[in-house]
Amino acid sequence: MHVLSVSSLKGGVGKTTVTLGLTSAAFAKGLRTLVVDLDPQSDVSTGLDIDLTGHLNVADVLENPKEKIVRQAIAPSGWTKGSQGKIDVMVGSPSAINFDGPHPSIRDIWKLEEALANVEADYDLVLIDCAPSLNALTRTAWAASDRVSVVTEPGLFSVAAADRALRAIEEIRRGLSPRLQPLGIIVNRARVQSLEHQFRIKELRDMFGPLVLSPQLPERTSLQQAQGAAKPLHVWPGESAQEMARNFDQLLERIMRTGKIGPYADGAGAAGAAGTGTAGAIA
């Protein structure tokens, strides 16, 4: 089981939209996927067609990460109705904000890691939609993760936020979780015709080199339309939607390759198996 946090230290850059796009790609690929909604806004749960009422939720898990609680906080996505494939959601809750203090204890930071260990055999991939800050919820997500993707857009303040996020990942890796690594920077809402956007993308590449992932994601209304309808991008009609689906397929391929998921696990042996679990180390 490979765990990826989808993060941004600045709101409004489309972090949750990217999480949903990656989830759609994983669904189309047939990966057994769990999405952890750790953002108190709970938008990824809504986008995955989850009724937020009547479930235990991620706040209950952070309070008590025992297996019984964890399994009761996980619900199947509405995307899977009438379809093959497994997309589950650890249901979000506004109450998660109560666990987002600036100075979490070490015990609290490791609670999500403890929770995910209870369902490790059930999933190929875990995507964590993080809160847009560097308080306790994000640190909890990163402690449970193998990799972190940093979502940004081509603007001055977002570039600075991406720099802060990568520095923070390195601090967590050195001080808390040696297996944690950045997957890279996902540039969202890029406009090819914008000279400012092209300048900022070049600035990102100059600063971070190969950590700037390809492809960059263009601004497309089809993405918001599929999200608003709580449907997978990959089944949304139109060439624009299919263009975006192909972009997310390429990003998912990078995730699968670095996480040794599916065909990339072949020949990995015991070392590869140890490297993709929640308790293993990944290069």
Protein backbone atom coordinates (compact mmCIF):
# COMPACT_ATOMS: atom_id res chain seq x y z
CA MET A 1 0.00 0.00 0.00
CA HIS A 2 1.48 3.31 -1.14
CA VAL A 3 0.39 6.48 0.66
CA LEU A 4 0.47 9.86 -1.11
CA SER A 5 -0.46 13.18 0.45
CA VAL A 6 -1.88 15.84 -1.88
CA SER A 7 -0.89 19.11 -0.26
CA SER A 8 -0.75 22.85 -0.67
CA LEU A 9 0.15 25.48 1.88
CA LYS A 10 -2.02 28.00 0.01
CA GLY A 11 -5.76 27.66 -0.45
CA GLY A 12 -7.51 28.09 -3.76
CA VAL A 13 -4.98 26.36 -6.02
CA GLY A 14 -7.17 23.35 -6.80
CA LYS A 15 -5.67 20.82 -4.40
CA THR A 16 -8.92 18.90 -3.93
CA THR A 17 -9.61 19.01 -7.66
CA VAL A 18 -6.22 17.36 -8.23
CA THR A 19 -7.03 14.72 -5.60
CA LEU A 20 -10.29 13.94 -7.42
CA GLY A 21 -8.52 13.78 -10.79
CA LEU A 22 -5.94 11.34 -9.45
CA THR A 23 -8.72 9.29 -7.85
CA SER A 24 -10.54 9.14 -11.18
CA ALA A 25 -7.36 7.94 -12.88
CA ALA A 26 -6.86 5.28 -10.19
CA PHE A 27 -10.48 4.17 -10.59
CA ALA A 28 -10.05 3.87 -14.36
CA LYS A 29 -6.85 1.88 -13.78
CA GLY A 30 -8.59 -0.53 -11.40
CA LEU A 31 -6.47 0.30 -8.36
CA ARG A 32 -7.95 -0.41 -4.95
CA THR A 33 -7.93 3.13 -3.63
CA LEU A 34 -8.70 4.79 -0.31
CA VAL A 35 -9.13 8.57 -0.20
CA VAL A 36 -8.61 10.12 3.23
CA ASP A 37 -10.46 13.43 3.56
CA LEU A 38 -8.29 15.31 6.02
CA ASP A 39 -9.40 18.80 4.94
CA PRO A 40 -12.08 20.10 7.35
CA GLN A 41 -13.97 21.55 4.36
CA SER A 42 -14.67 17.91 3.36
CA ASP A 43 -14.95 18.80 -0.32
CA VAL A 44 -13.29 15.61 -1.54
CA SER A 45 -15.95 13.54 0.25
CA THR A 46 -18.65 15.54 -1.53
CA GLY A 47 -16.88 15.16 -4.87
CA LEU A 48 -16.72 11.40 -4.35
CA ASP A 49 -20.49 11.29 -3.78
CA ILE A 50 -20.40 10.57 -0.06
CA ASP A 51 -23.24 11.48 2.29
CA LEU A 52 -21.43 13.07 5.23
CA THR A 53 -24.19 12.18 7.68
CA GLY A 54 -24.64 8.83 9.39
CA HIS A 55 -21.00 7.76 9.32
CA LEU A 56 -18.15 7.81 11.71
CA ASN A 57 -15.53 10.05 10.14
CA VAL A 58 -11.89 11.07 10.11
CA ALA A 59 -12.32 13.07 13.32
CA ASP A 60 -13.41 9.90 15.11
CA VAL A 61 -10.35 8.13 13.71
CA LEU A 62 -8.01 10.85 14.94
CA GLU A 63 -9.62 10.56 18.36
CA ASN A 64 -9.32 6.76 18.45
CA PRO A 65 -7.47 5.00 15.58
CA LYS A 66 -8.59 1.48 16.53
CA GLU A 67 -9.48 -0.87 13.68
CA LYS A 68 -13.21 -0.95 14.48
CA ILE A 69 -13.43 2.85 14.39
CA VAL A 70 -11.32 3.07 11.23
CA ARG A 71 -13.50 0.63 9.31
CA GLN A 72 -16.70 2.36 10.42
CA ALA A 73 -15.30 5.69 9.18
CA ILE A 74 -14.69 4.31 5.67
CA ALA A 75 -17.51 4.33 3.10
CA PRO A 76 -17.65 3.33 -0.58
CA SER A 77 -17.65 6.20 -3.06
CA GLY A 78 -20.84 6.77 -5.00
CA TRP A 79 -18.66 6.53 -8.11
CA THR A 80 -18.61 2.75 -7.73
CA LYS A 81 -22.39 2.26 -7.97
CA GLY A 82 -23.03 -0.10 -10.87
CA SER A 83 -19.32 -0.23 -11.69
CA GLN A 84 -16.42 -2.48 -10.98
CA GLY A 85 -13.55 -1.05 -9.02
CA LYS A 86 -12.90 -0.04 -5.45
CA ILE A 87 -12.83 3.58 -4.33
CA ASP A 88 -13.41 4.06 -0.62
CA VAL A 89 -13.37 7.25 1.42
CA MET A 90 -12.37 7.91 5.00
CA VAL A 91 -15.18 10.37 5.41
CA GLY A 92 -14.33 14.01 6.09
CA SER A 93 -15.77 16.18 8.82
CA PRO A 94 -15.63 19.85 9.83
CA SER A 95 -14.82 18.50 13.31
CA ALA A 96 -11.36 17.60 12.02
CA ILE A 97 -10.45 21.25 12.64
CA ASN A 98 -10.35 20.37 16.35
CA PHE A 99 -7.23 18.30 15.60
CA ASP A 100 -5.44 21.04 13.65
CA GLY A 101 -3.58 22.87 16.38
CA PRO A 102 -0.16 24.43 15.72
CA HIS A 103 1.73 22.26 18.24
CA PRO A 104 0.60 18.61 17.97
CA SER A 105 2.06 15.97 20.24
CA ILE A 106 4.14 13.16 18.75
CA ARG A 107 1.37 10.75 19.75
CA ASP A 108 -1.21 12.74 17.80
CA ILE A 109 1.01 13.06 14.72
CA TRP A 110 1.22 9.27 14.35
CA LYS A 111 -2.50 8.52 14.75
CA LEU A 112 -3.32 8.41 11.04
CA GLU A 113 -0.34 6.13 10.41
CA GLU A 114 -1.68 3.84 13.13
CA ALA A 115 -5.15 3.94 11.59
CA LEU A 116 -3.97 3.10 8.07
CA ALA A 117 -1.96 0.13 9.33
CA ASN A 118 -5.33 -1.50 10.14
CA VAL A 119 -6.39 -1.51 6.46
CA GLU A 120 -3.01 -1.90 4.77
CA ALA A 121 -3.93 -5.16 3.04
CA ASP A 122 -7.12 -3.70 1.56
CA TYR A 123 -5.68 -1.06 -0.79
CA ASP A 124 -3.05 -0.48 -3.44
CA LEU A 125 -3.07 3.30 -3.07
CA VAL A 126 -4.07 5.82 -0.41
CA LEU A 127 -4.57 9.47 -1.39
CA ILE A 128 -4.77 11.98 1.48
CA ASP A 129 -6.45 15.30 0.72
CA CYS A 130 -4.62 17.54 3.19
CA ALA A 131 -5.67 20.73 4.91
CA PRO A 132 -4.16 23.86 3.25
CA SER A 133 -1.83 24.68 6.13
CA LEU A 134 1.17 23.28 7.99
CA ASN A 135 -0.58 22.66 11.27
CA ALA A 136 -1.29 19.31 12.92
CA LEU A 137 -3.53 17.79 10.23
CA THR A 138 -0.95 18.16 7.49
CA ARG A 139 1.86 16.89 9.72
CA THR A 140 -0.33 13.92 10.61
CA ALA A 141 -0.89 13.21 6.91
CA TRP A 142 2.79 13.49 6.04
CA ALA A 143 3.83 11.21 8.91
CA ALA A 144 1.54 8.55 7.41
CA SER A 145 2.78 9.08 3.84
CA ASP A 146 5.46 7.69 1.58
CA ARG A 147 5.33 10.68 -0.77
CA VAL A 148 3.89 14.19 -0.89
CA SER A 149 2.70 15.98 -4.00
CA VAL A 150 2.62 19.77 -3.73
CA VAL A 151 -0.12 21.45 -5.77
CA THR A 152 0.48 25.00 -6.92
CA GLU A 153 -0.58 27.39 -9.65
CA PRO A 154 1.69 29.66 -11.71
CA GLY A 155 1.49 32.75 -9.50
CA LEU A 156 3.96 34.63 -7.32
CA PHE A 157 2.45 33.70 -3.96
CA SER A 158 1.79 30.09 -4.92
CA VAL A 159 5.40 29.62 -6.02
CA ALA A 160 6.53 30.86 -2.61
CA ALA A 161 4.08 28.49 -0.92
CA ALA A 162 5.46 25.54 -2.91
CA ASP A 163 8.95 26.45 -1.71
CA ARG A 164 7.75 26.51 1.91
CA ALA A 165 6.03 23.15 1.46
CA LEU A 166 9.14 21.45 0.08
CA ARG A 167 11.26 22.86 2.90
CA ALA A 168 8.69 21.60 5.42
CA ILE A 169 8.69 18.12 3.84
CA GLU A 170 12.45 17.97 4.29
CA GLU A 171 12.10 19.03 7.94
CA ILE A 172 9.53 16.28 8.59
CA ARG A 173 11.72 13.73 6.77
CA ARG A 174 14.78 14.59 8.83
CA GLY A 175 13.09 14.95 12.19
CA LEU A 176 10.17 12.55 12.14
CA SER A 177 9.68 10.25 9.15
CA PRO A 178 12.82 9.23 7.21
CA ARG A 179 10.81 7.44 4.52
CA LEU A 180 8.97 10.62 3.48
CA GLN A 181 9.92 12.02 0.07
CA PRO A 182 8.42 14.64 -2.25
CA LEU A 183 6.76 13.19 -5.33
CA GLY A 184 7.03 16.63 -6.90
CA ILE A 185 5.14 19.80 -7.74
CA ILE A 186 1.89 19.56 -9.70
CA VAL A 187 1.27 22.84 -11.55
CA ASN A 188 -2.48 23.38 -11.82
CA ARG A 189 -4.60 25.89 -13.75
CA ALA A 190 -1.83 26.75 -16.19
CA ARG A 191 -2.76 29.01 -19.10
CA VAL A 192 -0.50 28.52 -22.11
CA GLN A 193 -1.27 31.97 -23.50
CA SER A 194 -0.36 33.75 -20.26
CA LEU A 195 3.17 35.18 -20.26
CA GLU A 196 2.97 35.49 -16.48
CA HIS A 197 2.12 31.80 -16.14
CA GLN A 198 4.94 30.77 -18.45
CA PHE A 199 7.36 32.95 -16.49
CA ARG A 200 6.28 31.38 -13.19
CA ILE A 201 6.53 27.83 -14.57
CA LYS A 202 10.06 28.59 -15.75
CA GLU A 203 10.80 30.03 -12.30
CA LEU A 204 9.57 26.80 -10.71
CA ARG A 205 11.73 24.71 -13.04
CA ASP A 206 14.76 26.87 -12.33
CA MET A 207 14.18 26.50 -8.57
CA PHE A 208 13.17 22.85 -8.36
CA GLY A 209 14.30 21.17 -11.58
CA PRO A 210 12.86 17.66 -12.09
CA LEU A 211 10.58 18.03 -9.06
CA VAL A 212 8.26 20.05 -11.34
CA LEU A 213 6.09 17.27 -12.73
CA SER A 214 4.80 16.91 -16.26
CA PRO A 215 2.28 17.44 -17.58
CA GLN A 216 1.16 20.74 -16.16
CA LEU A 217 -2.61 20.83 -15.78
CA PRO A 218 -4.36 23.43 -17.94
CA GLU A 219 -7.39 25.35 -16.75
CA ARG A 220 -10.45 23.50 -18.06
CA THR A 221 -14.12 23.88 -17.12
CA SER A 222 -14.74 20.16 -17.71
CA LEU A 223 -12.82 19.41 -14.53
CA GLN A 224 -15.10 21.61 -12.45
CA GLN A 225 -18.18 20.24 -14.21
CA ALA A 226 -17.32 16.63 -13.39
CA GLN A 227 -16.47 17.63 -9.83
CA GLY A 228 -19.74 19.54 -9.42
CA ALA A 229 -21.70 16.52 -10.63
CA ALA A 230 -19.74 14.21 -8.28
CA LYS A 231 -18.67 12.05 -11.23
CA PRO A 232 -15.27 10.66 -12.26
CA LEU A 233 -13.48 12.85 -14.79
CA HIS A 234 -12.74 9.79 -16.92
CA VAL A 235 -16.44 9.22 -17.72
CA TRP A 236 -17.27 12.89 -18.34
CA PRO A 237 -18.09 13.54 -22.03
CA GLY A 238 -16.11 15.77 -24.34
CA GLU A 239 -12.57 16.11 -25.65
CA SER A 240 -11.64 18.62 -22.94
CA ALA A 241 -12.48 16.11 -20.22
CA GLN A 242 -10.57 13.36 -22.00
CA GLU A 243 -7.54 15.64 -22.40
CA MET A 244 -7.56 16.23 -18.65
CA ALA A 245 -8.08 12.51 -18.00
CA ARG A 246 -4.96 11.72 -20.03
CA ASN A 247 -3.00 14.29 -18.00
CA PHE A 248 -4.04 12.64 -14.74
CA ASP A 249 -3.23 9.21 -16.20
CA GLN A 250 0.33 10.41 -16.75
CA LEU A 251 0.61 11.75 -13.22
CA LEU A 252 -0.80 8.48 -11.85
CA GLU A 253 1.79 6.57 -13.87
CA ARG A 254 4.50 8.55 -12.04
CA ILE A 255 2.88 7.70 -8.70
CA MET A 256 2.67 4.00 -9.59
CA ARG A 257 6.27 3.92 -10.73
CA THR A 258 7.68 5.63 -7.63
CA GLY A 259 5.39 3.63 -5.34
CA LYS A 260 6.02 0.29 -7.06
CA ILE A 261 2.29 -0.24 -7.56
CA GLY A 262 0.73 -2.80 -9.90
CA PRO A 263 3.04 -3.74 -12.79
CA TYR A 264 5.88 -1.78 -11.22
CA ALA A 265 5.84 -4.14 -8.23
CA ASP A 266 6.90 -7.09 -10.43
CA GLY A 267 10.40 -8.18 -9.59
CA ALA A 268 10.59 -5.84 -6.62
CA GLY A 269 10.89 -8.79 -4.23
CA ALA A 270 10.78 -8.52 -0.50
CA ALA A 271 12.55 -5.16 -0.49
CA GLY A 272 9.92 -3.64 -2.75
CA ALA A 273 7.11 -5.06 -0.65
CA ALA A 274 8.63 -3.58 2.48
CA GLY A 275 9.09 -0.23 0.77
CA THR A 276 5.47 0.34 -0.18
CA GLY A 277 3.74 -0.31 3.12
CA THR A 278 2.84 2.25 5.73
CA ALA A 279 5.60 0.98 7.97
CA GLY A 280 8.27 0.51 5.27
CA ALA A 281 10.89 2.80 3.85
CA ILE A 282 10.84 4.04 0.28
CA ALA A 283 13.75 5.27 -1.71
